[in-house]
Amino acid sequence: MPSPSLAVAGGRSHKTPVRRESWIEHGRSALLVLAAFAGGLAMLFLVLEQRPGGGWRVLDVAVGAVASLVLLVRHRSPVVVGLVLAVAGAFFAAAGVANYVALFAVARSRRIEQAFVVALADIVGALVFWMLYPANSALSLTVVVNTAIALAVVAWGALQQKQQDLVAVYRDRAARIERERELRAEQIQMAERARIARDMHDSVAHYISLIALYAGGLAVAGDNAKNVGTTAATIRTTAVSALDELRTVIGVLRDGTVVTPRSAEHEQTVAGLIDEARQAGQLIVAHLDLADDGDHADGTAVLRESPNAEHIYRVVREGLTNARKHALGALVTVNVRREGNNALLTMTNPIESAGSTLPGSGAGLRGLTERVAAVGGAAEHEVVDRGGNTHEFRLSARVPLR
């Protein structure tokens, strides 16, 4: 059968979407049915030289109309519809376009083997139609044209199916990548929140231990305490700083809001940290020696310029906080010295068997070890037996200066 009519019908089929719920999809289906029927009428009245006449012509037109309407259910049972229309096309010219539209639906939605079976049925139907009306064309031309049309329709439908499969795969992959990206971003956000909360925990523990130390001094001194007002003001200031840090922790854990504490707005140094603890009454012997050529004696510029100065500060702060918790009133020795491109820190204090006067979970030391290891350093702590029922807590760390 001639191919121009098939091109019209095939073009309409290519535009038919899978979903037919909306009025646009119903409109496209209606246009496809009309195009298939119009192509069948063109075959009957314009293309064929030998055609049925009389009542057979009316029957041919009626069957062509029914065959075109059957295309509306081609997505439900494409193979069955394709075979039924192949039989109709074998006897009625007006159904000679609808059968190839059904073949396209099979090739687009089913396995290639099933499409070839329906294509073979269409070719056989064309031979049957030639036997009924042999004057239209030679047998060889009929076989070649209909075989070429059937193979072209199958190839076109199979290509459409592969394209649909690829689009589905790419959409699934894009959705999976988007989900993984969101999960990764959420994990990074949670890790950052945990890191900030851990840092704030260390700060809160530092301030609370200072408050306990100040309050303990007042309790021991009693009515004989001097500068009670100054000490009380210091306790108040420290408590405000602790509450400020605590508010930041709660904000981070609740909704990720990070508010810079007022206590973090000024420069934090190891020397200032030690002075603050001494003012609270903690006994500290400090040896700070990070000096380099052309630097100050205590290595202030080295600490200020080092990208890891904050980690050195946190090691000292954690050591002082632990001493206040577990060895209140004991002498703390702080040694910070430079060895090549590293800062070596050692903090020691005697401990009693009575244990801590303040609660603690040990999370600070674990977090400190992880933090120092993250910048290429190392931190460890141990309890050393000095003999005579005397023990010493030792915190050691190596922090790269650059």
Protein backbone atom coordinates (compact mmCIF):
# COMPACT_ATOMS: atom_id res chain seq x y z
CA MET A 1 0.00 0.00 0.00
CA PRO A 2 1.30 3.49 -0.71
CA SER A 3 3.42 5.13 1.93
CA PRO A 4 2.28 8.82 1.84
CA SER A 5 -0.89 8.02 3.73
CA LEU A 6 1.10 6.07 6.27
CA ALA A 7 3.39 9.03 6.83
CA VAL A 8 0.40 11.15 7.80
CA ALA A 9 -0.97 8.53 10.16
CA GLY A 10 2.43 7.75 11.62
CA GLY A 11 3.16 11.43 12.21
CA ARG A 12 -0.06 11.78 14.19
CA SER A 13 0.80 8.67 16.20
CA HIS A 14 4.22 9.99 17.10
CA LYS A 15 2.59 12.97 18.79
CA THR A 16 0.19 10.83 20.85
CA PRO A 17 1.21 10.92 24.54
CA VAL A 18 0.89 7.93 26.82
CA ARG A 19 -1.38 9.70 29.25
CA ARG A 20 -4.88 10.49 27.94
CA GLU A 21 -6.59 11.97 30.97
CA SER A 22 -6.51 15.62 29.98
CA TRP A 23 -8.65 17.13 27.26
CA ILE A 24 -5.52 17.85 25.21
CA GLU A 25 -4.66 14.16 25.13
CA HIS A 26 -8.22 13.26 24.23
CA GLY A 27 -8.07 15.85 21.45
CA ARG A 28 -4.89 14.33 20.07
CA SER A 29 -6.45 10.86 20.13
CA ALA A 30 -9.46 12.21 18.24
CA LEU A 31 -7.19 13.79 15.63
CA LEU A 32 -5.33 10.49 15.23
CA VAL A 33 -8.58 8.63 14.63
CA LEU A 34 -9.69 11.22 12.07
CA ALA A 35 -6.31 11.12 10.32
CA ALA A 36 -6.35 7.31 10.11
CA PHE A 37 -9.88 7.35 8.71
CA ALA A 38 -9.03 10.12 6.24
CA GLY A 39 -5.99 8.18 5.06
CA GLY A 40 -8.13 5.07 4.58
CA LEU A 41 -10.65 7.05 2.51
CA ALA A 42 -7.81 8.47 0.41
CA MET A 43 -6.57 4.94 -0.19
CA LEU A 44 -10.05 3.84 -1.24
CA PHE A 45 -11.04 6.71 -3.51
CA LEU A 46 -7.80 8.36 -4.68
CA VAL A 47 -4.98 5.80 -4.72
CA LEU A 48 -6.48 2.50 -5.76
CA GLU A 49 -7.33 1.94 -9.40
CA GLN A 50 -9.36 -1.19 -8.69
CA ARG A 51 -11.69 -0.82 -5.72
CA PRO A 52 -14.90 -2.39 -4.39
CA GLY A 53 -18.13 -0.96 -5.66
CA GLY A 54 -21.77 -0.77 -4.67
CA GLY A 55 -22.63 -2.12 -1.25
CA TRP A 56 -19.07 -3.42 -0.70
CA ARG A 57 -17.79 0.13 -0.94
CA VAL A 58 -20.23 1.28 1.77
CA LEU A 59 -19.14 -1.69 3.93
CA ASP A 60 -15.48 -0.85 3.28
CA VAL A 61 -16.02 2.73 4.51
CA ALA A 62 -17.92 1.48 7.58
CA VAL A 63 -15.20 -1.02 8.49
CA GLY A 64 -12.56 1.68 7.99
CA ALA A 65 -14.41 3.96 10.44
CA VAL A 66 -14.68 1.18 13.03
CA ALA A 67 -10.99 0.28 12.57
CA SER A 68 -10.02 3.90 13.18
CA LEU A 69 -12.13 4.03 16.34
CA VAL A 70 -10.50 0.82 17.61
CA LEU A 71 -7.23 2.78 17.74
CA LEU A 72 -8.53 4.48 20.89
CA VAL A 73 -7.88 1.25 22.86
CA ARG A 74 -4.56 0.41 21.24
CA HIS A 75 -2.58 1.19 24.44
CA ARG A 76 -4.56 -1.35 26.47
CA SER A 77 -3.98 -4.34 24.16
CA PRO A 78 -1.68 -3.19 21.35
CA VAL A 79 -0.85 -6.67 20.02
CA VAL A 80 -4.49 -7.77 19.84
CA VAL A 81 -5.53 -4.51 18.20
CA GLY A 82 -2.65 -4.78 15.72
CA LEU A 83 -3.59 -8.32 14.67
CA VAL A 84 -7.31 -7.49 14.38
CA LEU A 85 -6.62 -4.44 12.20
CA ALA A 86 -4.16 -6.46 10.08
CA VAL A 87 -7.04 -8.81 9.26
CA ALA A 88 -9.34 -5.86 8.55
CA GLY A 89 -6.73 -4.28 6.26
CA ALA A 90 -6.50 -7.53 4.29
CA PHE A 91 -10.08 -7.12 3.05
CA PHE A 92 -11.00 -3.45 3.36
CA ALA A 93 -8.99 -0.60 1.89
CA ALA A 94 -10.31 2.02 4.32
CA ALA A 95 -8.60 0.10 7.17
CA GLY A 96 -5.24 0.11 5.38
CA VAL A 97 -3.85 3.05 7.39
CA ALA A 98 -5.24 2.19 10.85
CA ASN A 99 -3.46 -1.20 10.83
CA TYR A 100 -0.04 0.47 10.50
CA VAL A 101 -0.87 2.97 13.25
CA ALA A 102 -1.62 -0.04 15.47
CA LEU A 103 1.71 -1.58 14.40
CA PHE A 104 3.49 1.57 15.55
CA ALA A 105 1.79 1.28 18.97
CA VAL A 106 3.03 -2.30 19.30
CA ALA A 107 6.60 -1.38 18.35
CA ARG A 108 6.56 1.54 20.79
CA SER A 109 5.29 -0.36 23.84
CA ARG A 110 6.08 -4.06 23.38
CA ARG A 111 9.05 -6.30 22.63
CA ILE A 112 10.53 -6.16 19.14
CA GLU A 113 9.57 -9.82 18.50
CA GLN A 114 5.88 -9.02 18.99
CA ALA A 115 6.19 -6.03 16.68
CA PHE A 116 7.68 -8.23 13.94
CA VAL A 117 4.80 -10.71 14.31
CA VAL A 118 2.24 -7.93 13.78
CA ALA A 119 4.33 -6.53 10.89
CA LEU A 120 4.32 -9.96 9.23
CA ALA A 121 0.53 -10.09 9.63
CA ASP A 122 0.26 -6.69 7.89
CA ILE A 123 2.44 -7.89 4.99
CA VAL A 124 0.36 -11.05 4.62
CA GLY A 125 -2.79 -8.90 4.74
CA ALA A 126 -1.40 -6.77 1.90
CA LEU A 127 -0.88 -9.94 -0.18
CA VAL A 128 -4.48 -11.00 0.50
CA PHE A 129 -5.72 -7.56 -0.58
CA TRP A 130 -3.62 -7.84 -3.78
CA MET A 131 -5.26 -11.19 -4.56
CA LEU A 132 -8.68 -9.56 -4.22
CA TYR A 133 -7.72 -6.53 -6.35
CA PRO A 134 -4.67 -7.51 -8.46
CA ALA A 135 -5.04 -4.69 -10.97
CA ASN A 136 -3.73 -2.02 -8.56
CA SER A 137 -0.02 -2.96 -8.78
CA ALA A 138 2.39 -5.79 -9.49
CA LEU A 139 2.89 -8.46 -6.82
CA SER A 140 6.58 -7.64 -6.40
CA LEU A 141 5.84 -3.94 -5.91
CA THR A 142 3.15 -4.74 -3.35
CA VAL A 143 5.51 -6.97 -1.36
CA VAL A 144 8.42 -4.49 -1.47
CA VAL A 145 6.36 -1.40 -0.56
CA ASN A 146 4.44 -3.00 2.30
CA THR A 147 7.55 -4.72 3.68
CA ALA A 148 9.44 -1.43 3.61
CA ILE A 149 6.55 0.40 5.31
CA ALA A 150 6.20 -2.30 8.01
CA LEU A 151 9.92 -2.32 8.78
CA ALA A 152 10.07 1.47 8.88
CA VAL A 153 7.12 1.65 11.30
CA VAL A 154 8.67 -1.03 13.54
CA ALA A 155 12.03 0.74 13.55
CA TRP A 156 10.42 4.09 14.32
CA GLY A 157 8.34 2.66 17.17
CA ALA A 158 11.31 0.76 18.65
CA LEU A 159 13.40 3.94 18.54
CA GLN A 160 10.66 5.83 20.36
CA GLN A 161 10.55 3.11 23.00
CA LYS A 162 14.32 3.29 23.55
CA GLN A 163 14.16 7.05 23.84
CA GLN A 164 11.40 6.78 26.44
CA ASP A 165 13.44 4.23 28.39
CA LEU A 166 16.50 6.48 28.31
CA VAL A 167 14.48 9.48 29.45
CA ALA A 168 13.07 7.41 32.34
CA VAL A 169 16.56 6.24 33.30
CA TYR A 170 17.95 9.78 33.18
CA ARG A 171 15.05 11.12 35.24
CA ASP A 172 15.53 8.39 37.83
CA ARG A 173 19.26 9.05 37.92
CA ALA A 174 18.73 12.79 38.26
CA ALA A 175 16.22 12.24 41.08
CA ARG A 176 18.65 9.87 42.82
CA ILE A 177 21.52 12.33 42.47
CA GLU A 178 19.31 15.11 43.84
CA ARG A 179 18.32 12.94 46.81
CA GLU A 180 21.96 12.06 47.46
CA ARG A 181 22.94 15.73 47.21
CA GLU A 182 20.25 16.72 49.70
CA LEU A 183 21.27 13.89 52.03
CA ARG A 184 24.92 14.89 51.77
CA ALA A 185 24.07 18.53 52.45
CA GLU A 186 21.99 17.50 55.45
CA GLN A 187 24.82 15.34 56.78
CA ILE A 188 27.28 18.20 56.38
CA GLN A 189 24.87 20.53 58.13
CA MET A 190 24.36 18.10 61.00
CA ALA A 191 28.11 17.56 61.35
CA GLU A 192 28.67 21.32 61.43
CA ARG A 193 25.95 21.74 64.04
CA ALA A 194 27.51 18.99 66.15
CA ARG A 195 30.93 20.61 65.85
CA ILE A 196 29.61 24.03 66.89
CA ALA A 197 27.59 22.53 69.74
CA ARG A 198 30.67 20.63 70.94
CA ASP A 199 32.74 23.80 70.90
CA MET A 200 30.05 25.66 72.79
CA HIS A 201 29.88 22.79 75.29
CA ASP A 202 33.57 23.24 76.02
CA SER A 203 33.06 26.98 76.48
CA VAL A 204 30.11 26.50 78.82
CA ALA A 205 32.03 23.96 80.89
CA HIS A 206 34.92 26.43 81.12
CA TYR A 207 32.72 29.24 82.42
CA ILE A 208 30.76 27.02 84.82
CA SER A 209 33.97 25.71 86.35
CA LEU A 210 35.19 29.29 86.80
CA ILE A 211 31.91 30.20 88.52
CA ALA A 212 32.31 27.20 90.83
CA LEU A 213 35.86 28.28 91.62
CA TYR A 214 34.82 31.86 92.41
CA ALA A 215 31.88 30.67 94.50
CA GLY A 216 34.07 28.19 96.35
CA GLY A 217 36.48 30.96 97.26
CA LEU A 218 33.66 33.07 98.65
CA ALA A 219 32.28 30.12 100.63
CA VAL A 220 35.65 29.42 102.22
CA ALA A 221 36.34 33.06 103.03
CA GLY A 222 32.89 33.67 104.47
CA ASP A 223 32.38 37.03 106.15
CA ASN A 224 36.11 37.72 106.10
CA ALA A 225 36.24 37.82 102.33
CA LYS A 226 37.65 40.97 100.80
CA ASN A 227 36.37 42.54 97.61
CA VAL A 228 33.15 40.57 97.82
CA GLY A 229 31.50 42.98 95.43
CA THR A 230 34.25 42.58 92.86
CA THR A 231 34.12 38.79 93.11
CA ALA A 232 30.34 38.78 92.84
CA ALA A 233 30.52 41.03 89.78
CA THR A 234 33.04 38.65 88.23
CA ILE A 235 30.76 35.69 88.95
CA ARG A 236 27.87 37.57 87.35
CA THR A 237 29.91 38.42 84.25
CA THR A 238 31.08 34.83 83.91
CA ALA A 239 27.53 33.52 84.36
CA VAL A 240 26.30 35.87 81.62
CA SER A 241 29.03 34.57 79.32
CA ALA A 242 28.03 30.99 80.13
CA LEU A 243 24.37 31.74 79.40
CA ASP A 244 25.40 33.45 76.17
CA GLU A 245 27.29 30.34 75.07
CA LEU A 246 24.39 28.12 76.18
CA ARG A 247 21.93 30.15 74.12
CA THR A 248 24.16 29.61 71.09
CA VAL A 249 24.23 25.84 71.71
CA ILE A 250 20.45 25.69 71.97
CA GLY A 251 20.05 27.72 68.80
CA VAL A 252 22.39 25.41 66.88
CA LEU A 253 20.73 22.22 68.08
CA ARG A 254 17.19 23.54 67.61
CA ASP A 255 17.22 25.15 64.17
CA GLY A 256 20.83 25.59 63.12
CA THR A 257 20.91 29.29 64.01
CA VAL A 258 24.44 30.36 64.85
CA VAL A 259 24.75 33.49 66.97
CA THR A 260 28.25 34.71 67.78
CA PRO A 261 28.51 34.88 71.57
CA ARG A 262 29.55 38.20 73.06
CA SER A 263 32.35 36.38 74.84
CA ALA A 264 33.84 35.38 71.48
CA GLU A 265 33.95 38.91 70.10
CA HIS A 266 37.27 39.71 71.80
CA GLU A 267 40.58 38.02 71.06
CA GLN A 268 41.13 34.78 72.96
CA THR A 269 44.75 34.02 73.89
CA VAL A 270 46.47 31.39 76.00
CA ALA A 271 47.98 34.06 78.24
CA GLY A 272 44.59 35.71 78.76
CA LEU A 273 43.03 32.34 79.53
CA ILE A 274 45.65 31.64 82.20
CA ASP A 275 45.25 35.12 83.71
CA GLU A 276 41.49 34.65 83.87
CA ALA A 277 41.88 31.34 85.71
CA ARG A 278 44.43 32.85 88.12
CA GLN A 279 42.06 35.69 88.95
CA ALA A 280 39.44 33.10 89.83
CA GLY A 281 41.87 31.57 92.32
CA GLN A 282 43.27 28.64 90.33
CA LEU A 283 46.92 27.91 91.06
CA ILE A 284 48.84 27.82 87.78
CA VAL A 285 52.51 27.67 86.87
CA ALA A 286 52.87 28.48 83.18
CA HIS A 287 55.84 28.26 80.84
CA LEU A 288 55.04 29.68 77.39
CA ASP A 289 57.95 29.49 74.99
CA LEU A 290 56.93 29.64 71.33
CA ALA A 291 59.35 32.42 70.44
CA ASP A 292 61.04 32.48 67.06
CA ASP A 293 63.68 34.77 65.60
CA GLY A 294 62.39 38.33 65.75
CA ASP A 295 59.36 37.34 67.82
CA HIS A 296 58.30 38.32 71.31
CA ALA A 297 59.62 36.30 74.19
CA ASP A 298 56.41 34.38 74.76
CA GLY A 299 55.70 33.74 71.07
CA THR A 300 52.59 35.95 70.90
CA ALA A 301 53.07 36.68 67.20
CA VAL A 302 53.57 33.00 66.43
CA LEU A 303 50.25 32.11 68.03
CA ARG A 304 48.47 35.03 66.38
CA GLU A 305 49.73 34.09 62.90
CA SER A 306 49.27 30.33 63.25
CA PRO A 307 46.12 28.95 61.59
CA ASN A 308 45.89 26.43 64.44
CA ALA A 309 46.17 28.95 67.29
CA GLU A 310 42.54 28.24 68.20
CA HIS A 311 43.36 24.55 68.75
CA ILE A 312 46.24 25.43 71.08
CA TYR A 313 43.87 27.69 72.99
CA ARG A 314 41.28 24.92 73.28
CA VAL A 315 43.82 22.38 74.55
CA VAL A 316 44.85 24.72 77.36
CA ARG A 317 41.25 25.62 78.16
CA GLU A 318 40.19 21.97 78.36
CA GLY A 319 43.16 21.17 80.60
CA LEU A 320 42.34 24.01 83.01
CA THR A 321 38.65 23.12 83.01
CA ASN A 322 39.41 19.47 83.84
CA ALA A 323 41.75 20.54 86.64
CA ARG A 324 39.03 22.70 88.17
CA LYS A 325 36.54 19.83 87.91
CA HIS A 326 38.67 16.96 89.17
CA ALA A 327 41.42 18.62 91.23
CA LEU A 328 39.99 21.77 92.76
CA GLY A 329 42.73 23.72 94.51
CA ALA A 330 45.56 21.68 93.01
CA LEU A 331 48.54 23.29 91.30
CA VAL A 332 48.33 23.11 87.50
CA THR A 333 51.48 23.17 85.40
CA VAL A 334 51.18 24.44 81.85
CA ASN A 335 54.10 24.02 79.44
CA VAL A 336 53.83 25.26 75.87
CA ARG A 337 56.96 25.17 73.74
CA ARG A 338 57.94 25.14 70.12
CA GLU A 339 59.70 22.28 68.39
CA GLY A 340 60.23 22.92 64.69
CA ASN A 341 56.84 23.65 63.12
CA ASN A 342 54.89 22.15 66.01
CA ALA A 343 53.66 23.42 69.34
CA LEU A 344 54.09 20.88 72.15
CA LEU A 345 51.72 21.26 75.09
CA THR A 346 51.91 19.45 78.41
CA MET A 347 49.54 20.08 81.32
CA THR A 348 49.75 18.25 84.63
CA ASN A 349 47.95 18.39 87.94
CA PRO A 350 47.68 16.04 90.93
CA ILE A 351 44.36 14.29 91.45
CA GLU A 352 42.71 12.87 94.51
CA SER A 353 40.97 9.55 94.88
CA ALA A 354 37.83 11.35 96.06
CA GLY A 355 37.04 12.22 92.45
CA SER A 356 35.47 15.25 90.82
CA THR A 357 33.46 17.88 92.63
CA LEU A 358 31.72 18.83 89.35
CA PRO A 359 29.90 16.50 86.95
CA GLY A 360 31.54 15.62 83.66
CA SER A 361 30.95 13.21 80.76
CA GLY A 362 34.46 13.01 79.30
CA ALA A 363 33.15 14.33 75.98
CA GLY A 364 35.46 17.32 76.14
CA LEU A 365 38.65 15.25 76.02
CA ARG A 366 37.29 13.01 73.28
CA GLY A 367 36.26 16.01 71.21
CA LEU A 368 39.64 17.63 71.84
CA THR A 369 41.46 14.55 70.59
CA GLU A 370 39.36 14.48 67.40
CA ARG A 371 39.80 18.21 66.82
CA VAL A 372 43.60 18.11 67.13
CA ALA A 373 43.82 14.99 64.94
CA ALA A 374 41.80 16.76 62.23
CA VAL A 375 44.60 19.34 61.76
CA GLY A 376 47.39 16.75 61.65
CA GLY A 377 48.27 16.81 65.34
CA ALA A 378 47.84 14.39 68.23
CA ALA A 379 46.49 14.60 71.76
CA GLU A 380 46.43 12.08 74.59
CA HIS A 381 45.78 12.00 78.30
CA GLU A 382 46.73 9.60 81.06
CA VAL A 383 46.86 9.20 84.83
CA VAL A 384 50.41 8.68 86.10
CA ASP A 385 51.08 6.90 89.40
CA ARG A 386 53.59 8.94 91.40
CA GLY A 387 53.77 6.45 94.26
CA GLY A 388 52.58 6.83 97.81
CA ASN A 389 48.93 6.90 96.75
CA THR A 390 49.66 9.99 94.67
CA HIS A 391 48.45 10.29 91.09
CA GLU A 392 48.93 12.90 88.43
CA PHE A 393 46.74 13.68 85.44
CA ARG A 394 48.71 14.54 82.32
CA LEU A 395 47.37 16.04 79.09
CA SER A 396 49.79 16.14 76.14
CA ALA A 397 49.25 17.49 72.66
CA ARG A 398 51.19 18.24 69.50
CA VAL A 399 49.63 20.92 67.30
CA PRO A 400 51.14 22.01 63.96
CA LEU A 401 51.82 25.71 63.83
CA ARG A 402 51.47 25.83 60.04
